[in-house]
Amino acid sequence: MASFPLREADIVALAREIASGLAAHPETFPAPPHGPDQINTALGAVAVAHDAAVLASSEAKQTTAAKEEAIATLVDLMKADLRYAESTSRLDGAKLELLGWGAPRNRTPTGVPGQVRTLEVIREGKGWVFLDWKQPVDGGLPAAYKVQRRKPGATDWMDVGMAVESDIMLNGQDPGVEFEYHVLAVNKAGEGPASNIVRAVL
């Protein structure tokens, strides 16, 4: 089952495959929300920001932030094109492979979802955190994901967000306070087991 990459090098590699696949197969993907030129432009911005982050050690903090912003923009473009491709191709695995992607595994919509996998803190700042995870590989098909937090040592979890995709930006988090986060997949049948726990001080 295809899953969106988390490492920068893997994101860049997939972006290149998406751009070349869209350019080479316009008959299969005639109207993507972001064409190959936009993906390539975003790739160029990532490369420039990456080089700046490596070379300008005295300004590493600012340039790293610029690189992460460029990566976030690229990820948004890529995910939009992949959702379009999945819809246009009706999840045809052979067509999706033209973009370096693949069809999701057949899943039953009934039953409680399985456990959310590989929850990670991707980016964080003062009062905000960006979380990313992978969907369950078993159980019923998730309709959404519930994000919860607590202070370390506490027993009760508090709901802080819902997402339909496998990532979320949480704003308005208390700055300077350490929190633990976990994610649960939910559907009409109920909630699946909680993911691993991650910590962040924002």
N, C-alpha and C. Protein backbone atom coordinates (compact mmCIF):
# COMPACT_ATOMS: atom_id res chain seq x y z
N MET A 1 0.85 -1.18 0.00
CA MET A 1 0.00 0.00 0.00
C MET A 1 0.89 1.24 0.00
N ALA A 2 0.58 2.19 -0.86
CA ALA A 2 1.37 3.41 -0.94
C ALA A 2 1.16 4.25 0.30
N SER A 3 2.23 4.83 0.81
CA SER A 3 2.14 5.75 1.93
C SER A 3 3.03 6.95 1.63
N PHE A 4 2.60 8.13 2.04
CA PHE A 4 3.34 9.34 1.70
C PHE A 4 4.65 9.36 2.48
N PRO A 5 5.76 9.64 1.79
CA PRO A 5 7.07 9.60 2.46
C PRO A 5 7.22 10.72 3.49
N LEU A 6 8.09 10.49 4.46
CA LEU A 6 8.37 11.48 5.50
C LEU A 6 9.76 12.10 5.34
N ARG A 7 10.73 11.33 4.84
CA ARG A 7 12.09 11.84 4.68
C ARG A 7 12.15 12.79 3.50
N GLU A 8 12.95 13.86 3.67
CA GLU A 8 13.06 14.88 2.63
C GLU A 8 13.51 14.28 1.30
N ALA A 9 14.51 13.41 1.34
CA ALA A 9 15.02 12.83 0.09
C ALA A 9 13.94 12.02 -0.62
N ASP A 10 13.13 11.29 0.16
CA ASP A 10 12.06 10.49 -0.44
C ASP A 10 10.95 11.36 -1.00
N ILE A 11 10.65 12.49 -0.31
CA ILE A 11 9.65 13.43 -0.82
C ILE A 11 10.10 14.00 -2.16
N VAL A 12 11.37 14.41 -2.23
CA VAL A 12 11.90 14.97 -3.47
C VAL A 12 11.87 13.93 -4.60
N ALA A 13 12.24 12.69 -4.28
CA ALA A 13 12.25 11.63 -5.30
C ALA A 13 10.84 11.39 -5.83
N LEU A 14 9.84 11.34 -4.94
CA LEU A 14 8.47 11.13 -5.38
C LEU A 14 7.97 12.32 -6.19
N ALA A 15 8.34 13.54 -5.77
CA ALA A 15 7.94 14.74 -6.51
C ALA A 15 8.44 14.68 -7.95
N ARG A 16 9.66 14.23 -8.13
CA ARG A 16 10.22 14.14 -9.49
C ARG A 16 9.46 13.11 -10.32
N GLU A 17 9.07 12.00 -9.67
CA GLU A 17 8.30 10.99 -10.40
C GLU A 17 6.92 11.51 -10.77
N ILE A 18 6.28 12.26 -9.86
CA ILE A 18 4.97 12.85 -10.16
C ILE A 18 5.08 13.81 -11.32
N ALA A 19 6.09 14.71 -11.28
CA ALA A 19 6.25 15.70 -12.35
C ALA A 19 6.50 15.03 -13.69
N SER A 20 7.42 14.05 -13.70
CA SER A 20 7.72 13.39 -14.98
C SER A 20 6.54 12.55 -15.46
N GLY A 21 5.82 11.92 -14.52
CA GLY A 21 4.66 11.13 -14.91
C GLY A 21 3.54 11.96 -15.47
N LEU A 22 3.27 13.13 -14.84
CA LEU A 22 2.23 14.02 -15.36
C LEU A 22 2.61 14.55 -16.74
N ALA A 23 3.90 14.90 -16.91
CA ALA A 23 4.35 15.44 -18.20
C ALA A 23 4.29 14.38 -19.30
N ALA A 24 4.60 13.13 -18.95
CA ALA A 24 4.67 12.07 -19.96
C ALA A 24 3.31 11.47 -20.30
N HIS A 25 2.32 11.66 -19.42
CA HIS A 25 1.03 11.00 -19.63
C HIS A 25 -0.15 11.97 -19.48
N PRO A 26 -0.18 13.03 -20.31
CA PRO A 26 -1.30 13.98 -20.20
C PRO A 26 -2.64 13.37 -20.58
N GLU A 27 -2.61 12.30 -21.38
CA GLU A 27 -3.87 11.68 -21.76
C GLU A 27 -4.51 10.94 -20.57
N THR A 28 -3.67 10.48 -19.65
CA THR A 28 -4.17 9.78 -18.48
C THR A 28 -4.58 10.74 -17.37
N PHE A 29 -3.79 11.83 -17.21
CA PHE A 29 -4.05 12.84 -16.17
C PHE A 29 -4.13 14.21 -16.85
N PRO A 30 -5.28 14.51 -17.51
CA PRO A 30 -5.36 15.71 -18.35
C PRO A 30 -5.45 17.02 -17.58
N ALA A 31 -5.93 17.02 -16.35
CA ALA A 31 -6.17 18.30 -15.68
C ALA A 31 -5.82 18.22 -14.20
N PRO A 32 -4.54 17.96 -13.86
CA PRO A 32 -4.17 17.91 -12.44
C PRO A 32 -4.28 19.30 -11.81
N PRO A 33 -4.57 19.37 -10.50
CA PRO A 33 -4.66 20.68 -9.85
C PRO A 33 -3.34 21.44 -9.88
N HIS A 34 -2.23 20.71 -9.94
CA HIS A 34 -0.91 21.35 -10.02
C HIS A 34 -0.10 20.58 -11.06
N GLY A 35 0.19 21.22 -12.17
CA GLY A 35 0.87 20.56 -13.26
C GLY A 35 2.33 20.33 -12.99
N PRO A 36 3.01 19.64 -13.92
CA PRO A 36 4.43 19.33 -13.72
C PRO A 36 5.30 20.56 -13.58
N ASP A 37 4.94 21.66 -14.26
CA ASP A 37 5.74 22.88 -14.13
C ASP A 37 5.70 23.41 -12.70
N GLN A 38 4.52 23.36 -12.07
CA GLN A 38 4.41 23.84 -10.69
C GLN A 38 5.19 22.94 -9.73
N ILE A 39 5.10 21.65 -9.95
CA ILE A 39 5.86 20.72 -9.10
C ILE A 39 7.35 20.98 -9.27
N ASN A 40 7.81 21.15 -10.51
CA ASN A 40 9.23 21.40 -10.76
C ASN A 40 9.69 22.73 -10.17
N THR A 41 8.82 23.75 -10.24
CA THR A 41 9.16 25.03 -9.63
C THR A 41 9.30 24.89 -8.12
N ALA A 42 8.37 24.14 -7.51
CA ALA A 42 8.46 23.90 -6.06
C ALA A 42 9.70 23.09 -5.72
N LEU A 43 10.06 22.13 -6.57
CA LEU A 43 11.29 21.38 -6.36
C LEU A 43 12.51 22.30 -6.41
N GLY A 44 12.49 23.24 -7.34
CA GLY A 44 13.58 24.20 -7.43
C GLY A 44 13.70 25.04 -6.18
N ALA A 45 12.55 25.45 -5.64
CA ALA A 45 12.56 26.24 -4.41
C ALA A 45 13.13 25.43 -3.25
N VAL A 46 12.78 24.13 -3.19
CA VAL A 46 13.33 23.26 -2.15
C VAL A 46 14.85 23.16 -2.29
N ALA A 47 15.34 22.99 -3.52
CA ALA A 47 16.77 22.86 -3.74
C ALA A 47 17.51 24.13 -3.32
N VAL A 48 16.96 25.28 -3.70
CA VAL A 48 17.60 26.55 -3.33
C VAL A 48 17.62 26.72 -1.82
N ALA A 49 16.48 26.44 -1.17
CA ALA A 49 16.42 26.58 0.29
C ALA A 49 17.34 25.58 0.97
N HIS A 50 17.44 24.36 0.41
CA HIS A 50 18.32 23.36 1.00
C HIS A 50 19.78 23.80 0.92
N ASP A 51 20.19 24.29 -0.25
CA ASP A 51 21.57 24.75 -0.41
C ASP A 51 21.88 25.90 0.54
N ALA A 52 20.90 26.81 0.68
CA ALA A 52 21.10 27.94 1.58
C ALA A 52 21.26 27.46 3.02
N ALA A 53 20.47 26.45 3.39
CA ALA A 53 20.54 25.93 4.76
C ALA A 53 21.88 25.27 5.03
N VAL A 54 22.45 24.61 4.02
CA VAL A 54 23.73 23.94 4.19
C VAL A 54 24.88 24.94 4.24
N LEU A 55 24.84 25.93 3.35
CA LEU A 55 25.97 26.85 3.19
C LEU A 55 25.99 27.97 4.23
N ALA A 56 24.82 28.44 4.63
CA ALA A 56 24.76 29.60 5.52
C ALA A 56 24.62 29.14 6.96
N SER A 57 25.70 28.60 7.52
CA SER A 57 25.61 28.05 8.87
C SER A 57 25.28 29.12 9.90
N SER A 58 25.71 30.37 9.65
CA SER A 58 25.43 31.43 10.62
C SER A 58 23.96 31.82 10.63
N GLU A 59 23.26 31.45 9.55
CA GLU A 59 21.83 31.76 9.46
C GLU A 59 21.03 30.47 9.37
N ALA A 60 21.55 29.41 10.00
CA ALA A 60 20.94 28.09 9.84
C ALA A 60 19.49 28.06 10.29
N LYS A 61 19.19 28.76 11.37
CA LYS A 61 17.84 28.69 11.90
C LYS A 61 16.84 29.27 10.90
N GLN A 62 17.16 30.45 10.33
CA GLN A 62 16.25 31.09 9.38
C GLN A 62 16.15 30.30 8.08
N THR A 63 17.28 29.82 7.59
CA THR A 63 17.24 29.11 6.31
C THR A 63 16.60 27.74 6.45
N THR A 64 16.77 27.10 7.61
CA THR A 64 16.10 25.82 7.83
C THR A 64 14.60 26.00 7.85
N ALA A 65 14.15 27.10 8.47
CA ALA A 65 12.71 27.39 8.48
C ALA A 65 12.21 27.61 7.06
N ALA A 66 13.00 28.31 6.23
CA ALA A 66 12.61 28.53 4.84
C ALA A 66 12.55 27.21 4.07
N LYS A 67 13.50 26.33 4.35
CA LYS A 67 13.50 25.02 3.69
C LYS A 67 12.26 24.21 4.09
N GLU A 68 11.93 24.24 5.39
CA GLU A 68 10.76 23.48 5.85
C GLU A 68 9.48 24.04 5.25
N GLU A 69 9.43 25.38 5.10
CA GLU A 69 8.25 25.97 4.47
C GLU A 69 8.15 25.54 3.01
N ALA A 70 9.32 25.50 2.34
CA ALA A 70 9.32 25.06 0.94
C ALA A 70 8.90 23.60 0.83
N ILE A 71 9.38 22.76 1.76
CA ILE A 71 8.97 21.34 1.77
C ILE A 71 7.47 21.22 2.00
N ALA A 72 6.94 22.02 2.96
CA ALA A 72 5.51 21.96 3.26
C ALA A 72 4.68 22.35 2.04
N THR A 73 5.14 23.38 1.30
CA THR A 73 4.43 23.79 0.09
C THR A 73 4.47 22.68 -0.95
N LEU A 74 5.64 22.07 -1.13
CA LEU A 74 5.78 20.97 -2.09
C LEU A 74 4.88 19.80 -1.71
N VAL A 75 4.85 19.44 -0.42
CA VAL A 75 4.01 18.34 0.04
C VAL A 75 2.54 18.61 -0.26
N ASP A 76 2.07 19.85 -0.03
CA ASP A 76 0.68 20.20 -0.31
C ASP A 76 0.36 20.03 -1.80
N LEU A 77 1.27 20.48 -2.67
CA LEU A 77 1.07 20.33 -4.12
C LEU A 77 1.01 18.86 -4.51
N MET A 78 1.94 18.08 -3.97
CA MET A 78 2.02 16.66 -4.30
C MET A 78 0.78 15.91 -3.85
N LYS A 79 0.34 16.15 -2.61
CA LYS A 79 -0.82 15.43 -2.10
C LYS A 79 -2.08 15.77 -2.90
N ALA A 80 -2.21 17.05 -3.31
CA ALA A 80 -3.36 17.42 -4.13
C ALA A 80 -3.35 16.68 -5.45
N ASP A 81 -2.17 16.58 -6.09
CA ASP A 81 -2.08 15.87 -7.36
C ASP A 81 -2.32 14.37 -7.18
N LEU A 82 -1.84 13.80 -6.08
CA LEU A 82 -2.05 12.37 -5.86
C LEU A 82 -3.52 12.06 -5.59
N ARG A 83 -4.20 12.94 -4.83
CA ARG A 83 -5.64 12.74 -4.62
C ARG A 83 -6.39 12.83 -5.95
N TYR A 84 -5.99 13.81 -6.78
CA TYR A 84 -6.60 13.94 -8.11
C TYR A 84 -6.36 12.68 -8.94
N ALA A 85 -5.11 12.20 -8.92
CA ALA A 85 -4.77 11.03 -9.72
C ALA A 85 -5.55 9.80 -9.25
N GLU A 86 -5.70 9.62 -7.94
CA GLU A 86 -6.47 8.50 -7.42
C GLU A 86 -7.93 8.57 -7.87
N SER A 87 -8.47 9.80 -7.86
CA SER A 87 -9.86 9.97 -8.28
C SER A 87 -10.02 9.77 -9.78
N THR A 88 -9.12 10.38 -10.57
CA THR A 88 -9.21 10.30 -12.03
C THR A 88 -9.01 8.88 -12.54
N SER A 89 -8.06 8.17 -11.93
CA SER A 89 -7.75 6.81 -12.39
C SER A 89 -8.65 5.76 -11.74
N ARG A 90 -9.54 6.20 -10.84
CA ARG A 90 -10.38 5.25 -10.10
C ARG A 90 -9.52 4.19 -9.39
N LEU A 91 -8.42 4.68 -8.80
CA LEU A 91 -7.50 3.84 -8.03
C LEU A 91 -6.90 2.71 -8.87
N ASP A 92 -6.70 3.00 -10.17
CA ASP A 92 -6.05 2.03 -11.05
C ASP A 92 -4.56 2.01 -10.71
N GLY A 93 -4.09 0.88 -10.15
CA GLY A 93 -2.71 0.79 -9.71
C GLY A 93 -1.71 1.03 -10.83
N ALA A 94 -1.98 0.51 -12.03
CA ALA A 94 -1.05 0.67 -13.15
C ALA A 94 -0.90 2.14 -13.53
N LYS A 95 -2.01 2.88 -13.53
CA LYS A 95 -1.95 4.30 -13.86
C LYS A 95 -1.25 5.09 -12.76
N LEU A 96 -1.54 4.74 -11.51
CA LEU A 96 -0.91 5.45 -10.39
C LEU A 96 0.59 5.21 -10.35
N GLU A 97 1.03 4.05 -10.81
CA GLU A 97 2.46 3.76 -10.85
C GLU A 97 3.19 4.69 -11.81
N LEU A 98 2.47 5.27 -12.76
CA LEU A 98 3.09 6.25 -13.67
C LEU A 98 3.58 7.46 -12.92
N LEU A 99 3.03 7.71 -11.74
CA LEU A 99 3.44 8.85 -10.91
C LEU A 99 4.27 8.40 -9.72
N GLY A 100 4.70 7.15 -9.71
CA GLY A 100 5.46 6.64 -8.58
C GLY A 100 4.61 6.32 -7.38
N TRP A 101 3.32 6.17 -7.57
CA TRP A 101 2.36 5.95 -6.50
C TRP A 101 1.77 4.56 -6.65
N GLY A 102 0.75 4.22 -5.89
CA GLY A 102 0.11 2.93 -5.99
C GLY A 102 -1.28 2.97 -5.42
N ALA A 103 -2.08 1.99 -5.77
CA ALA A 103 -3.45 1.92 -5.29
C ALA A 103 -3.46 1.47 -3.84
N PRO A 104 -4.39 2.00 -3.03
CA PRO A 104 -4.50 1.53 -1.65
C PRO A 104 -5.00 0.10 -1.60
N ARG A 105 -4.63 -0.59 -0.55
CA ARG A 105 -5.07 -1.98 -0.36
C ARG A 105 -6.59 -2.01 -0.15
N ASN A 106 -7.23 -3.02 -0.68
CA ASN A 106 -8.67 -3.15 -0.47
C ASN A 106 -8.97 -3.30 1.01
N ARG A 107 -9.88 -2.50 1.50
CA ARG A 107 -10.22 -2.50 2.92
C ARG A 107 -11.74 -2.56 3.06
N THR A 108 -12.20 -3.17 4.12
CA THR A 108 -13.62 -3.19 4.39
C THR A 108 -14.02 -1.93 5.14
N PRO A 109 -15.14 -1.29 4.76
CA PRO A 109 -15.54 -0.07 5.45
C PRO A 109 -16.14 -0.34 6.82
N THR A 110 -16.47 -1.60 7.10
CA THR A 110 -17.11 -1.93 8.38
C THR A 110 -16.07 -2.40 9.38
N GLY A 111 -16.43 -2.32 10.63
CA GLY A 111 -15.53 -2.76 11.68
C GLY A 111 -14.71 -1.60 12.23
N VAL A 112 -14.28 -1.75 13.46
CA VAL A 112 -13.46 -0.72 14.11
C VAL A 112 -12.10 -0.64 13.42
N PRO A 113 -11.59 0.56 13.18
CA PRO A 113 -10.27 0.67 12.53
C PRO A 113 -9.16 0.07 13.38
N GLY A 114 -8.05 -0.24 12.73
CA GLY A 114 -6.88 -0.72 13.44
C GLY A 114 -6.10 0.45 14.05
N GLN A 115 -4.88 0.16 14.46
CA GLN A 115 -4.06 1.16 15.14
C GLN A 115 -3.35 2.07 14.16
N VAL A 116 -3.44 3.37 14.42
CA VAL A 116 -2.68 4.36 13.65
C VAL A 116 -1.19 4.09 13.85
N ARG A 117 -0.40 4.24 12.78
CA ARG A 117 1.02 3.88 12.82
C ARG A 117 1.92 5.10 12.68
N THR A 118 3.07 5.02 13.29
CA THR A 118 4.20 5.92 13.07
C THR A 118 3.82 7.39 13.20
N LEU A 119 3.22 7.76 14.33
CA LEU A 119 2.95 9.17 14.60
C LEU A 119 4.27 9.89 14.83
N GLU A 120 4.44 11.06 14.19
CA GLU A 120 5.67 11.83 14.30
C GLU A 120 5.36 13.32 14.41
N VAL A 121 6.23 14.04 15.12
CA VAL A 121 6.21 15.51 15.10
C VAL A 121 7.08 15.93 13.93
N ILE A 122 6.46 16.51 12.89
CA ILE A 122 7.19 16.90 11.69
C ILE A 122 7.79 18.29 11.84
N ARG A 123 6.99 19.23 12.33
CA ARG A 123 7.45 20.61 12.55
C ARG A 123 6.77 21.13 13.80
N GLU A 124 7.41 22.08 14.46
CA GLU A 124 6.80 22.69 15.63
C GLU A 124 7.32 24.11 15.79
N GLY A 125 6.57 24.93 16.48
CA GLY A 125 6.95 26.30 16.75
C GLY A 125 6.24 26.77 18.00
N LYS A 126 6.34 28.03 18.29
CA LYS A 126 5.74 28.56 19.51
C LYS A 126 4.22 28.50 19.40
N GLY A 127 3.62 27.61 20.17
CA GLY A 127 2.17 27.50 20.21
C GLY A 127 1.56 26.67 19.10
N TRP A 128 2.40 25.96 18.28
CA TRP A 128 1.82 25.14 17.22
C TRP A 128 2.69 23.90 16.98
N VAL A 129 2.08 22.87 16.43
CA VAL A 129 2.80 21.64 16.11
C VAL A 129 2.13 20.99 14.90
N PHE A 130 2.93 20.41 14.01
CA PHE A 130 2.43 19.70 12.83
C PHE A 130 2.74 18.22 13.01
N LEU A 131 1.68 17.41 13.05
CA LEU A 131 1.81 15.97 13.26
C LEU A 131 1.48 15.20 11.97
N ASP A 132 2.15 14.08 11.80
CA ASP A 132 1.93 13.23 10.62
C ASP A 132 1.93 11.78 11.08
N TRP A 133 1.13 10.94 10.44
CA TRP A 133 1.06 9.53 10.80
C TRP A 133 0.69 8.70 9.59
N LYS A 134 0.71 7.39 9.76
CA LYS A 134 0.31 6.47 8.70
C LYS A 134 -0.99 5.78 9.11
N GLN A 135 -1.85 5.54 8.12
CA GLN A 135 -3.15 4.93 8.41
C GLN A 135 -2.98 3.48 8.84
N PRO A 136 -3.97 2.93 9.54
CA PRO A 136 -3.89 1.52 9.96
C PRO A 136 -3.83 0.59 8.74
N VAL A 137 -3.24 -0.56 8.95
CA VAL A 137 -3.18 -1.56 7.87
C VAL A 137 -4.22 -2.65 8.06
N ASP A 138 -4.96 -2.60 9.17
CA ASP A 138 -5.99 -3.61 9.40
C ASP A 138 -7.24 -2.93 9.95
N GLY A 139 -8.27 -3.73 10.17
CA GLY A 139 -9.52 -3.19 10.70
C GLY A 139 -10.34 -2.48 9.64
N GLY A 140 -11.41 -1.80 10.09
CA GLY A 140 -12.28 -1.07 9.18
C GLY A 140 -11.62 0.19 8.64
N LEU A 141 -12.20 0.71 7.58
CA LEU A 141 -11.66 1.90 6.92
C LEU A 141 -11.91 3.13 7.80
N PRO A 142 -10.88 3.92 8.14
CA PRO A 142 -11.10 5.11 8.96
C PRO A 142 -11.92 6.17 8.22
N ALA A 143 -12.84 6.80 8.94
CA ALA A 143 -13.56 7.95 8.40
C ALA A 143 -12.86 9.25 8.76
N ALA A 144 -12.15 9.26 9.89
CA ALA A 144 -11.43 10.44 10.36
C ALA A 144 -10.43 10.00 11.42
N TYR A 145 -9.65 10.97 11.87
CA TYR A 145 -8.66 10.70 12.90
C TYR A 145 -8.84 11.70 14.04
N LYS A 146 -8.86 11.18 15.27
CA LYS A 146 -8.99 12.02 16.46
C LYS A 146 -7.61 12.22 17.08
N VAL A 147 -7.26 13.48 17.33
CA VAL A 147 -5.97 13.81 17.94
C VAL A 147 -6.22 14.24 19.38
N GLN A 148 -5.46 13.66 20.30
CA GLN A 148 -5.61 13.97 21.71
C GLN A 148 -4.26 14.32 22.33
N ARG A 149 -4.31 15.07 23.43
CA ARG A 149 -3.08 15.42 24.14
C ARG A 149 -3.30 15.33 25.65
N ARG A 150 -2.18 15.28 26.36
CA ARG A 150 -2.19 15.34 27.81
C ARG A 150 -0.81 15.81 28.26
N LYS A 151 -0.71 16.24 29.52
CA LYS A 151 0.59 16.52 30.10
C LYS A 151 1.22 15.21 30.55
N PRO A 152 2.54 15.08 30.44
CA PRO A 152 3.18 13.84 30.88
C PRO A 152 2.80 13.48 32.31
N GLY A 153 2.46 12.22 32.52
CA GLY A 153 2.05 11.76 33.84
C GLY A 153 0.57 11.81 34.09
N ALA A 154 -0.16 12.59 33.27
CA ALA A 154 -1.62 12.66 33.43
C ALA A 154 -2.25 11.38 32.89
N THR A 155 -3.44 11.09 33.37
CA THR A 155 -4.14 9.87 32.93
C THR A 155 -5.21 10.17 31.88
N ASP A 156 -5.80 11.37 31.92
CA ASP A 156 -6.89 11.71 31.01
C ASP A 156 -6.35 12.42 29.77
N TRP A 157 -6.88 12.01 28.61
CA TRP A 157 -6.53 12.64 27.34
C TRP A 157 -7.62 13.64 26.97
N MET A 158 -7.21 14.74 26.32
CA MET A 158 -8.14 15.77 25.88
C MET A 158 -8.15 15.84 24.36
N ASP A 159 -9.35 15.89 23.76
CA ASP A 159 -9.46 16.04 22.31
C ASP A 159 -8.97 17.42 21.90
N VAL A 160 -8.07 17.48 20.91
CA VAL A 160 -7.56 18.77 20.44
C VAL A 160 -7.69 18.95 18.94
N GLY A 161 -8.17 17.94 18.21
CA GLY A 161 -8.32 18.11 16.78
C GLY A 161 -8.86 16.87 16.10
N MET A 162 -9.45 17.07 14.91
CA MET A 162 -9.91 15.99 14.05
C MET A 162 -9.35 16.22 12.65
N ALA A 163 -9.01 15.15 11.96
CA ALA A 163 -8.46 15.25 10.61
C ALA A 163 -9.04 14.14 9.75
N VAL A 164 -9.18 14.42 8.45
CA VAL A 164 -9.60 13.37 7.52
C VAL A 164 -8.39 12.83 6.74
N GLU A 165 -7.32 13.62 6.68
CA GLU A 165 -6.07 13.15 6.09
C GLU A 165 -5.16 12.66 7.21
N SER A 166 -3.99 12.13 6.86
CA SER A 166 -3.10 11.57 7.87
C SER A 166 -2.07 12.59 8.34
N ASP A 167 -2.51 13.82 8.55
CA ASP A 167 -1.66 14.84 9.15
C ASP A 167 -2.55 15.97 9.66
N ILE A 168 -1.99 16.81 10.52
CA ILE A 168 -2.78 17.92 11.07
C ILE A 168 -1.84 19.00 11.60
N MET A 169 -2.25 20.26 11.46
CA MET A 169 -1.58 21.39 12.09
C MET A 169 -2.42 21.81 13.28
N LEU A 170 -1.84 21.75 14.47
CA LEU A 170 -2.54 22.17 15.69
C LEU A 170 -2.01 23.52 16.11
N ASN A 171 -2.86 24.54 16.08
CA ASN A 171 -2.51 25.87 16.53
C ASN A 171 -3.10 26.12 17.92
N GLY A 172 -2.67 27.20 18.54
CA GLY A 172 -3.23 27.56 19.84
C GLY A 172 -2.83 26.64 20.97
N GLN A 173 -1.70 25.95 20.82
CA GLN A 173 -1.18 25.10 21.90
C GLN A 173 -0.44 25.97 22.92
N ASP A 174 -0.51 25.60 24.17
CA ASP A 174 0.12 26.42 25.21
C ASP A 174 1.64 26.44 25.02
N PRO A 175 2.24 27.63 24.83
CA PRO A 175 3.69 27.68 24.61
C PRO A 175 4.45 27.38 25.90
N GLY A 176 5.60 26.74 25.74
CA GLY A 176 6.46 26.46 26.88
C GLY A 176 6.00 25.30 27.75
N VAL A 177 4.96 24.59 27.33
CA VAL A 177 4.41 23.47 28.10
C VAL A 177 4.66 22.18 27.33
N GLU A 178 5.14 21.15 28.02
CA GLU A 178 5.34 19.86 27.36
C GLU A 178 4.03 19.09 27.31
N PHE A 179 3.70 18.60 26.12
CA PHE A 179 2.50 17.80 25.94
C PHE A 179 2.86 16.48 25.27
N GLU A 180 2.05 15.47 25.55
CA GLU A 180 2.09 14.21 24.83
C GLU A 180 0.89 14.17 23.88
N TYR A 181 1.10 13.63 22.69
CA TYR A 181 0.03 13.51 21.70
C TYR A 181 -0.08 12.06 21.24
N HIS A 182 -1.31 11.64 20.94
CA HIS A 182 -1.53 10.40 20.22
C HIS A 182 -2.74 10.57 19.31
N VAL A 183 -2.93 9.62 18.40
CA VAL A 183 -3.98 9.71 17.38
C VAL A 183 -4.75 8.39 17.33
N LEU A 184 -6.07 8.49 17.15
CA LEU A 184 -6.92 7.31 17.01
C LEU A 184 -7.71 7.42 15.71
N ALA A 185 -7.80 6.32 14.97
CA ALA A 185 -8.65 6.26 13.79
C ALA A 185 -10.08 5.96 14.24
N VAL A 186 -11.06 6.64 13.62
CA VAL A 186 -12.46 6.45 14.01
C VAL A 186 -13.33 6.25 12.78
N ASN A 187 -14.43 5.52 12.95
CA ASN A 187 -15.48 5.42 11.95
C ASN A 187 -16.79 5.12 12.68
N LYS A 188 -17.82 4.78 11.94
CA LYS A 188 -19.13 4.56 12.57
C LYS A 188 -19.12 3.40 13.57
N ALA A 189 -18.18 2.48 13.38
CA ALA A 189 -18.12 1.32 14.28
C ALA A 189 -17.43 1.64 15.60
N GLY A 190 -16.67 2.74 15.65
CA GLY A 190 -16.00 3.10 16.89
C GLY A 190 -14.59 3.61 16.67
N GLU A 191 -13.80 3.61 17.74
CA GLU A 191 -12.43 4.09 17.72
C GLU A 191 -11.45 2.92 17.75
N GLY A 192 -10.39 3.04 16.96
CA GLY A 192 -9.34 2.04 17.01
C GLY A 192 -8.36 2.30 18.14
N PRO A 193 -7.38 1.42 18.33
CA PRO A 193 -6.38 1.62 19.37
C PRO A 193 -5.57 2.90 19.11
N ALA A 194 -5.09 3.52 20.19
CA ALA A 194 -4.29 4.74 20.06
C ALA A 194 -2.94 4.42 19.44
N SER A 195 -2.40 5.41 18.74
CA SER A 195 -1.08 5.31 18.15
C SER A 195 0.00 5.36 19.22
N ASN A 196 1.24 5.32 18.78
CA ASN A 196 2.35 5.64 19.68
C ASN A 196 2.22 7.08 20.18
N ILE A 197 2.92 7.40 21.23
CA ILE A 197 2.88 8.74 21.83
C ILE A 197 4.11 9.52 21.42
N VAL A 198 3.90 10.80 21.07
CA VAL A 198 5.02 11.71 20.81
C VAL A 198 4.93 12.88 21.76
N ARG A 199 6.06 13.51 22.04
CA ARG A 199 6.11 14.65 22.96
C ARG A 199 6.62 15.89 22.23
N ALA A 200 6.16 17.05 22.67
CA ALA A 200 6.62 18.31 22.12
C ALA A 200 6.51 19.40 23.19
N VAL A 201 7.50 20.29 23.22
CA VAL A 201 7.46 21.50 24.04
C VAL A 201 7.41 22.67 23.06
N LEU A 202 6.31 23.39 23.02
CA LEU A 202 6.07 24.37 21.97
C LEU A 202 6.37 25.80 22.45
